[in-house]
Amino acid sequence: MKSVALTCVGKLKEKYFSDAAAEYVKRLGRFCRFEMCELADSPHADAVGSESEAIIRSFGAGEYRILCDVGGELISSPQLSEIIDRAYTAGHSTVRFVIGGSCGVDDSVRRGVHKRISFGRVTYPHQLMRVLLLEQVYRAFTITGNLPYHK
């Protein structure tokens, strides 16, 4: 079975975000194994280095890593589906998504990923971004599966 992992800095604090994320994780169970790695966050800009080190420690061998980054490539839902599909076709065991902390990530994380993607040139709250990403990953699997979710 395919595997998807998410490394993110911070926890979901609001119930409505937790509920939405849990719903998409449940839906993803039809298509893949899902693993969540939540890392401690800090509101201080000087914590970016330690948060980035923790992100890199979460990386596993054989993964295809994608960083959600406002400066990344702007992609559509069908393009995300293709990126994920190509990663598995190329022999990667897991596709790992990364959402950094509120102050971003340092260049060591950017160098440690295969792709940087953006969901627009706006900044989303990290809790909302997690829900958006989970929905888009679910949508990507439904696109690949030719299911009617993506219209």
N, C-alpha and C. Protein backbone atom coordinates (compact mmCIF):
# COMPACT_ATOMS: atom_id res chain seq x y z
N MET A 1 0.85 -1.19 0.00
CA MET A 1 0.00 0.00 0.00
C MET A 1 0.89 1.24 0.00
N LYS A 2 0.44 2.26 -0.69
CA LYS A 2 1.18 3.52 -0.75
C LYS A 2 1.20 4.16 0.63
N SER A 3 2.20 5.01 0.84
CA SER A 3 2.36 5.66 2.13
C SER A 3 2.52 7.17 1.93
N VAL A 4 1.83 7.93 2.77
CA VAL A 4 1.94 9.38 2.81
C VAL A 4 2.28 9.77 4.24
N ALA A 5 3.22 10.68 4.37
CA ALA A 5 3.59 11.18 5.70
C ALA A 5 3.52 12.70 5.67
N LEU A 6 3.25 13.27 6.82
CA LEU A 6 3.22 14.72 6.97
C LEU A 6 4.05 15.09 8.19
N THR A 7 5.06 15.91 7.97
CA THR A 7 5.83 16.49 9.07
C THR A 7 5.38 17.94 9.17
N CYS A 8 4.95 18.34 10.35
CA CYS A 8 4.51 19.72 10.53
C CYS A 8 4.95 20.23 11.89
N VAL A 9 5.23 21.51 11.91
CA VAL A 9 5.62 22.16 13.16
C VAL A 9 4.35 22.70 13.80
N GLY A 10 4.10 22.31 15.03
CA GLY A 10 2.93 22.75 15.76
C GLY A 10 1.82 21.72 15.77
N LYS A 11 0.91 21.91 16.68
CA LYS A 11 -0.24 21.02 16.84
C LYS A 11 -1.51 21.75 16.45
N LEU A 12 -2.52 20.98 16.12
CA LEU A 12 -3.84 21.57 15.86
C LEU A 12 -4.49 21.88 17.21
N LYS A 13 -4.78 23.13 17.43
CA LYS A 13 -5.31 23.55 18.73
C LYS A 13 -6.83 23.73 18.72
N GLU A 14 -7.37 24.07 17.57
CA GLU A 14 -8.81 24.31 17.47
C GLU A 14 -9.52 23.02 17.06
N LYS A 15 -10.63 22.72 17.74
CA LYS A 15 -11.36 21.49 17.47
C LYS A 15 -11.84 21.41 16.02
N TYR A 16 -12.29 22.53 15.46
CA TYR A 16 -12.79 22.48 14.09
C TYR A 16 -11.67 22.14 13.10
N PHE A 17 -10.43 22.55 13.36
CA PHE A 17 -9.32 22.15 12.50
C PHE A 17 -9.00 20.67 12.72
N SER A 18 -8.98 20.23 13.98
CA SER A 18 -8.71 18.81 14.28
C SER A 18 -9.74 17.91 13.63
N ASP A 19 -11.01 18.30 13.72
CA ASP A 19 -12.08 17.50 13.14
C ASP A 19 -11.94 17.42 11.62
N ALA A 20 -11.64 18.55 10.98
CA ALA A 20 -11.49 18.56 9.52
C ALA A 20 -10.29 17.71 9.11
N ALA A 21 -9.17 17.86 9.80
CA ALA A 21 -7.98 17.07 9.49
C ALA A 21 -8.26 15.58 9.67
N ALA A 22 -8.92 15.22 10.77
CA ALA A 22 -9.23 13.82 11.03
C ALA A 22 -10.13 13.24 9.93
N GLU A 23 -11.05 14.03 9.42
CA GLU A 23 -11.92 13.56 8.34
C GLU A 23 -11.11 13.22 7.09
N TYR A 24 -10.18 14.08 6.72
CA TYR A 24 -9.37 13.80 5.53
C TYR A 24 -8.39 12.66 5.75
N VAL A 25 -7.86 12.53 6.94
CA VAL A 25 -6.99 11.38 7.25
C VAL A 25 -7.80 10.10 7.12
N LYS A 26 -9.03 10.11 7.62
CA LYS A 26 -9.89 8.93 7.50
C LYS A 26 -10.15 8.61 6.03
N ARG A 27 -10.46 9.61 5.23
CA ARG A 27 -10.71 9.39 3.80
C ARG A 27 -9.46 8.86 3.09
N LEU A 28 -8.30 9.36 3.49
CA LEU A 28 -7.05 8.90 2.87
C LEU A 28 -6.78 7.43 3.12
N GLY A 29 -7.33 6.89 4.21
CA GLY A 29 -7.14 5.48 4.54
C GLY A 29 -7.57 4.54 3.44
N ARG A 30 -8.44 4.98 2.57
CA ARG A 30 -8.88 4.18 1.43
C ARG A 30 -7.76 4.01 0.40
N PHE A 31 -6.82 4.96 0.38
CA PHE A 31 -5.80 5.00 -0.67
C PHE A 31 -4.38 4.72 -0.19
N CYS A 32 -4.11 4.99 1.08
CA CYS A 32 -2.72 4.92 1.55
C CYS A 32 -2.67 4.78 3.07
N ARG A 33 -1.48 4.42 3.54
CA ARG A 33 -1.19 4.53 4.97
C ARG A 33 -0.79 5.97 5.21
N PHE A 34 -1.19 6.52 6.33
CA PHE A 34 -0.87 7.92 6.63
C PHE A 34 -0.16 8.00 7.96
N GLU A 35 0.89 8.80 7.99
CA GLU A 35 1.68 9.01 9.21
C GLU A 35 1.81 10.50 9.46
N MET A 36 1.61 10.90 10.70
CA MET A 36 1.72 12.30 11.09
C MET A 36 2.90 12.45 12.05
N CYS A 37 3.73 13.45 11.79
CA CYS A 37 4.85 13.77 12.69
C CYS A 37 4.70 15.24 13.08
N GLU A 38 4.19 15.47 14.28
CA GLU A 38 4.01 16.84 14.77
C GLU A 38 5.21 17.22 15.64
N LEU A 39 5.82 18.32 15.29
CA LEU A 39 7.01 18.79 16.01
C LEU A 39 6.67 20.01 16.86
N ALA A 40 7.42 20.20 17.93
CA ALA A 40 7.20 21.36 18.80
C ALA A 40 7.47 22.65 18.04
N ASP A 41 6.64 23.65 18.31
CA ASP A 41 6.84 24.94 17.65
C ASP A 41 7.27 26.00 18.65
N SER A 42 7.78 27.08 18.12
CA SER A 42 8.22 28.21 18.94
C SER A 42 7.85 29.49 18.22
N PRO A 43 7.37 30.49 18.95
CA PRO A 43 7.01 31.75 18.30
C PRO A 43 8.22 32.64 18.00
N HIS A 44 9.39 32.22 18.40
CA HIS A 44 10.59 33.04 18.24
C HIS A 44 11.31 32.74 16.93
N ALA A 45 11.69 33.77 16.21
CA ALA A 45 12.36 33.61 14.92
C ALA A 45 13.66 32.84 15.04
N ASP A 46 14.33 32.92 16.18
CA ASP A 46 15.60 32.21 16.34
C ASP A 46 15.41 30.70 16.48
N ALA A 47 14.17 30.24 16.54
CA ALA A 47 13.90 28.80 16.65
C ALA A 47 13.87 28.11 15.29
N VAL A 48 13.93 28.87 14.20
CA VAL A 48 13.85 28.28 12.86
C VAL A 48 14.91 27.18 12.69
N GLY A 49 16.13 27.43 13.16
CA GLY A 49 17.20 26.43 13.02
C GLY A 49 16.89 25.14 13.73
N SER A 50 16.42 25.23 14.97
CA SER A 50 16.13 24.00 15.72
C SER A 50 14.89 23.30 15.15
N GLU A 51 13.90 24.07 14.71
CA GLU A 51 12.73 23.45 14.08
C GLU A 51 13.14 22.75 12.78
N SER A 52 14.00 23.41 12.01
CA SER A 52 14.47 22.82 10.75
C SER A 52 15.25 21.54 10.99
N GLU A 53 16.09 21.52 12.03
CA GLU A 53 16.83 20.29 12.37
C GLU A 53 15.86 19.17 12.72
N ALA A 54 14.81 19.48 13.46
CA ALA A 54 13.81 18.47 13.83
C ALA A 54 13.08 17.96 12.59
N ILE A 55 12.78 18.86 11.66
CA ILE A 55 12.13 18.45 10.41
C ILE A 55 13.02 17.45 9.68
N ILE A 56 14.29 17.78 9.53
CA ILE A 56 15.22 16.91 8.81
C ILE A 56 15.35 15.55 9.50
N ARG A 57 15.33 15.53 10.82
CA ARG A 57 15.39 14.25 11.55
C ARG A 57 14.17 13.37 11.27
N SER A 58 13.06 13.98 10.87
CA SER A 58 11.85 13.20 10.59
C SER A 58 11.91 12.50 9.23
N PHE A 59 12.86 12.89 8.39
CA PHE A 59 12.97 12.31 7.05
C PHE A 59 13.43 10.87 7.12
N GLY A 60 12.85 10.04 6.26
CA GLY A 60 13.24 8.65 6.18
C GLY A 60 13.84 8.32 4.82
N ALA A 61 14.52 7.20 4.76
CA ALA A 61 15.12 6.74 3.51
C ALA A 61 14.03 6.35 2.52
N GLY A 62 14.29 6.60 1.27
CA GLY A 62 13.37 6.17 0.21
C GLY A 62 12.16 7.06 0.02
N GLU A 63 12.11 8.17 0.72
CA GLU A 63 10.95 9.07 0.62
C GLU A 63 11.12 10.07 -0.51
N TYR A 64 10.00 10.54 -1.00
CA TYR A 64 9.96 11.71 -1.88
C TYR A 64 9.40 12.83 -1.02
N ARG A 65 10.17 13.88 -0.83
CA ARG A 65 9.80 14.94 0.11
C ARG A 65 9.36 16.21 -0.61
N ILE A 66 8.24 16.75 -0.16
CA ILE A 66 7.64 17.95 -0.75
C ILE A 66 7.43 18.98 0.35
N LEU A 67 8.02 20.15 0.18
CA LEU A 67 7.87 21.24 1.13
C LEU A 67 6.78 22.19 0.66
N CYS A 68 5.83 22.49 1.54
CA CYS A 68 4.84 23.53 1.27
C CYS A 68 5.52 24.86 1.58
N ASP A 69 5.69 25.67 0.56
CA ASP A 69 6.50 26.88 0.67
C ASP A 69 5.89 27.97 -0.20
N VAL A 70 5.62 29.12 0.39
CA VAL A 70 5.00 30.22 -0.36
C VAL A 70 5.84 30.57 -1.60
N GLY A 71 7.14 30.31 -1.56
CA GLY A 71 8.00 30.58 -2.70
C GLY A 71 8.16 29.41 -3.65
N GLY A 72 7.43 28.33 -3.41
CA GLY A 72 7.51 27.14 -4.26
C GLY A 72 6.75 27.30 -5.56
N GLU A 73 6.74 26.23 -6.33
CA GLU A 73 6.06 26.22 -7.61
C GLU A 73 4.54 26.24 -7.39
N LEU A 74 3.86 27.16 -8.07
CA LEU A 74 2.40 27.19 -8.03
C LEU A 74 1.87 26.01 -8.83
N ILE A 75 1.05 25.18 -8.19
CA ILE A 75 0.55 23.98 -8.88
C ILE A 75 -0.96 23.90 -8.76
N SER A 76 -1.53 23.13 -9.67
CA SER A 76 -2.96 22.84 -9.64
C SER A 76 -3.18 21.50 -8.94
N SER A 77 -4.42 21.18 -8.66
CA SER A 77 -4.73 19.88 -8.06
C SER A 77 -4.33 18.72 -8.98
N PRO A 78 -4.63 18.78 -10.29
CA PRO A 78 -4.16 17.70 -11.16
C PRO A 78 -2.63 17.59 -11.19
N GLN A 79 -1.93 18.71 -11.11
CA GLN A 79 -0.46 18.65 -11.09
C GLN A 79 0.04 17.99 -9.81
N LEU A 80 -0.60 18.26 -8.67
CA LEU A 80 -0.21 17.60 -7.43
C LEU A 80 -0.43 16.10 -7.55
N SER A 81 -1.53 15.71 -8.16
CA SER A 81 -1.80 14.30 -8.38
C SER A 81 -0.69 13.65 -9.21
N GLU A 82 -0.24 14.35 -10.25
CA GLU A 82 0.84 13.83 -11.10
C GLU A 82 2.16 13.73 -10.33
N ILE A 83 2.45 14.72 -9.51
CA ILE A 83 3.69 14.72 -8.72
C ILE A 83 3.71 13.51 -7.80
N ILE A 84 2.61 13.27 -7.10
CA ILE A 84 2.52 12.14 -6.18
C ILE A 84 2.64 10.83 -6.95
N ASP A 85 1.91 10.73 -8.04
CA ASP A 85 1.93 9.50 -8.85
C ASP A 85 3.33 9.20 -9.38
N ARG A 86 4.02 10.23 -9.87
CA ARG A 86 5.38 10.03 -10.41
C ARG A 86 6.35 9.60 -9.30
N ALA A 87 6.15 10.11 -8.10
CA ALA A 87 7.03 9.73 -6.99
C ALA A 87 6.92 8.23 -6.72
N TYR A 88 5.69 7.70 -6.70
CA TYR A 88 5.52 6.27 -6.47
C TYR A 88 6.06 5.46 -7.66
N THR A 89 5.79 5.93 -8.86
CA THR A 89 6.26 5.24 -10.07
C THR A 89 7.78 5.18 -10.10
N ALA A 90 8.43 6.22 -9.58
CA ALA A 90 9.90 6.27 -9.55
C ALA A 90 10.48 5.38 -8.45
N GLY A 91 9.62 4.75 -7.65
CA GLY A 91 10.10 3.80 -6.65
C GLY A 91 10.20 4.32 -5.23
N HIS A 92 9.72 5.54 -4.99
CA HIS A 92 9.73 6.06 -3.62
C HIS A 92 8.65 5.34 -2.80
N SER A 93 9.02 4.94 -1.60
CA SER A 93 8.09 4.19 -0.74
C SER A 93 7.05 5.09 -0.10
N THR A 94 7.44 6.33 0.16
CA THR A 94 6.59 7.28 0.88
C THR A 94 6.70 8.65 0.24
N VAL A 95 5.59 9.36 0.20
CA VAL A 95 5.61 10.77 -0.15
C VAL A 95 5.41 11.53 1.15
N ARG A 96 6.42 12.33 1.53
CA ARG A 96 6.37 13.10 2.77
C ARG A 96 6.19 14.57 2.44
N PHE A 97 5.15 15.16 3.03
CA PHE A 97 4.91 16.60 2.92
C PHE A 97 5.45 17.27 4.18
N VAL A 98 5.90 18.50 4.02
CA VAL A 98 6.46 19.26 5.15
C VAL A 98 5.79 20.62 5.20
N ILE A 99 5.30 20.96 6.40
CA ILE A 99 4.81 22.31 6.69
C ILE A 99 5.67 22.84 7.82
N GLY A 100 6.42 23.89 7.54
CA GLY A 100 7.32 24.47 8.53
C GLY A 100 6.58 25.26 9.59
N GLY A 101 7.34 25.86 10.48
CA GLY A 101 6.76 26.67 11.56
C GLY A 101 6.35 28.05 11.09
N SER A 102 5.84 28.84 12.01
CA SER A 102 5.32 30.16 11.66
C SER A 102 6.40 31.11 11.16
N CYS A 103 7.66 30.83 11.46
CA CYS A 103 8.76 31.67 10.96
C CYS A 103 9.45 31.03 9.76
N GLY A 104 8.89 29.95 9.24
CA GLY A 104 9.44 29.31 8.06
C GLY A 104 10.47 28.24 8.38
N VAL A 105 11.25 27.88 7.37
CA VAL A 105 12.31 26.88 7.50
C VAL A 105 13.60 27.49 6.97
N ASP A 106 14.72 26.87 7.31
CA ASP A 106 15.97 27.38 6.77
C ASP A 106 16.34 26.60 5.51
N ASP A 107 17.43 27.01 4.88
CA ASP A 107 17.83 26.42 3.61
C ASP A 107 18.18 24.94 3.71
N SER A 108 18.53 24.46 4.89
CA SER A 108 18.85 23.03 5.01
C SER A 108 17.62 22.18 4.69
N VAL A 109 16.44 22.65 5.06
CA VAL A 109 15.20 21.92 4.73
C VAL A 109 14.94 22.03 3.24
N ARG A 110 15.09 23.22 2.68
CA ARG A 110 14.86 23.39 1.24
C ARG A 110 15.78 22.49 0.42
N ARG A 111 17.01 22.33 0.86
CA ARG A 111 17.96 21.46 0.16
C ARG A 111 17.61 19.98 0.36
N GLY A 112 16.90 19.66 1.42
CA GLY A 112 16.60 18.26 1.75
C GLY A 112 15.31 17.73 1.14
N VAL A 113 14.63 18.56 0.34
CA VAL A 113 13.39 18.11 -0.28
C VAL A 113 13.58 17.98 -1.79
N HIS A 114 12.70 17.23 -2.40
CA HIS A 114 12.75 17.05 -3.85
C HIS A 114 11.98 18.14 -4.58
N LYS A 115 10.95 18.67 -3.92
CA LYS A 115 10.08 19.64 -4.58
C LYS A 115 9.54 20.62 -3.56
N ARG A 116 9.39 21.87 -4.00
CA ARG A 116 8.75 22.91 -3.20
C ARG A 116 7.50 23.36 -3.95
N ILE A 117 6.35 23.27 -3.28
CA ILE A 117 5.09 23.65 -3.92
C ILE A 117 4.42 24.77 -3.13
N SER A 118 3.58 25.50 -3.82
CA SER A 118 2.84 26.59 -3.20
C SER A 118 1.37 26.47 -3.53
N PHE A 119 0.55 26.79 -2.57
CA PHE A 119 -0.89 26.83 -2.76
C PHE A 119 -1.35 28.27 -3.00
N GLY A 120 -0.45 29.11 -3.41
CA GLY A 120 -0.74 30.52 -3.69
C GLY A 120 0.31 31.39 -3.03
N ARG A 121 0.33 32.63 -3.38
CA ARG A 121 1.32 33.55 -2.85
C ARG A 121 0.87 34.23 -1.56
N VAL A 122 -0.17 33.69 -0.97
CA VAL A 122 -0.64 34.21 0.32
C VAL A 122 -0.15 33.27 1.42
N THR A 123 -0.13 33.77 2.63
CA THR A 123 0.27 32.96 3.77
C THR A 123 -0.98 32.51 4.52
N TYR A 124 -1.06 31.22 4.80
CA TYR A 124 -2.19 30.66 5.55
C TYR A 124 -1.76 30.39 6.98
N PRO A 125 -2.69 30.46 7.92
CA PRO A 125 -2.37 29.99 9.27
C PRO A 125 -1.99 28.51 9.19
N HIS A 126 -1.02 28.11 9.99
CA HIS A 126 -0.49 26.75 9.88
C HIS A 126 -1.55 25.68 10.13
N GLN A 127 -2.48 25.94 11.01
CA GLN A 127 -3.52 24.94 11.26
C GLN A 127 -4.41 24.79 10.02
N LEU A 128 -4.75 25.89 9.39
CA LEU A 128 -5.57 25.84 8.18
C LEU A 128 -4.79 25.20 7.03
N MET A 129 -3.51 25.51 6.94
CA MET A 129 -2.69 24.93 5.87
C MET A 129 -2.66 23.41 5.96
N ARG A 130 -2.63 22.89 7.16
CA ARG A 130 -2.63 21.43 7.32
C ARG A 130 -3.91 20.84 6.75
N VAL A 131 -5.04 21.45 7.05
CA VAL A 131 -6.32 20.96 6.52
C VAL A 131 -6.35 21.09 5.00
N LEU A 132 -5.90 22.24 4.49
CA LEU A 132 -5.86 22.43 3.03
C LEU A 132 -4.99 21.37 2.35
N LEU A 133 -3.84 21.11 2.92
CA LEU A 133 -2.93 20.12 2.34
C LEU A 133 -3.57 18.73 2.36
N LEU A 134 -4.14 18.33 3.48
CA LEU A 134 -4.76 17.01 3.57
C LEU A 134 -5.89 16.87 2.55
N GLU A 135 -6.68 17.94 2.39
CA GLU A 135 -7.75 17.90 1.39
C GLU A 135 -7.17 17.74 0.00
N GLN A 136 -6.10 18.45 -0.31
CA GLN A 136 -5.50 18.38 -1.64
C GLN A 136 -4.86 17.02 -1.90
N VAL A 137 -4.27 16.42 -0.90
CA VAL A 137 -3.71 15.07 -1.06
C VAL A 137 -4.84 14.07 -1.31
N TYR A 138 -5.92 14.19 -0.55
CA TYR A 138 -7.08 13.33 -0.79
C TYR A 138 -7.60 13.55 -2.21
N ARG A 139 -7.73 14.81 -2.62
CA ARG A 139 -8.20 15.13 -3.97
C ARG A 139 -7.26 14.50 -5.02
N ALA A 140 -5.95 14.57 -4.77
CA ALA A 140 -4.98 14.00 -5.71
C ALA A 140 -5.22 12.50 -5.91
N PHE A 141 -5.48 11.79 -4.82
CA PHE A 141 -5.74 10.35 -4.94
C PHE A 141 -7.05 10.09 -5.68
N THR A 142 -8.06 10.94 -5.48
CA THR A 142 -9.32 10.73 -6.21
C THR A 142 -9.15 11.05 -7.70
N ILE A 143 -8.28 12.01 -8.02
CA ILE A 143 -7.99 12.31 -9.43
C ILE A 143 -7.32 11.10 -10.07
N THR A 144 -6.30 10.57 -9.41
CA THR A 144 -5.58 9.40 -9.93
C THR A 144 -6.53 8.21 -10.08
N GLY A 145 -7.45 8.07 -9.12
CA GLY A 145 -8.40 6.96 -9.16
C GLY A 145 -9.60 7.20 -10.05
N ASN A 146 -9.64 8.33 -10.73
CA ASN A 146 -10.74 8.67 -11.62
C ASN A 146 -12.09 8.69 -10.90
N LEU A 147 -12.09 9.20 -9.68
CA LEU A 147 -13.30 9.27 -8.88
C LEU A 147 -13.95 10.63 -9.03
N PRO A 148 -15.25 10.73 -8.79
CA PRO A 148 -15.96 11.99 -9.07
C PRO A 148 -15.73 13.13 -8.07
N TYR A 149 -14.93 12.94 -7.02
CA TYR A 149 -14.71 14.00 -6.04
C TYR A 149 -14.20 15.28 -6.69
N HIS A 150 -13.22 15.15 -7.60
CA HIS A 150 -12.65 16.31 -8.29
C HIS A 150 -13.48 16.58 -9.54
N LYS A 151 -14.11 17.73 -9.56
CA LYS A 151 -15.00 18.05 -10.70
C LYS A 151 -14.34 19.07 -11.59
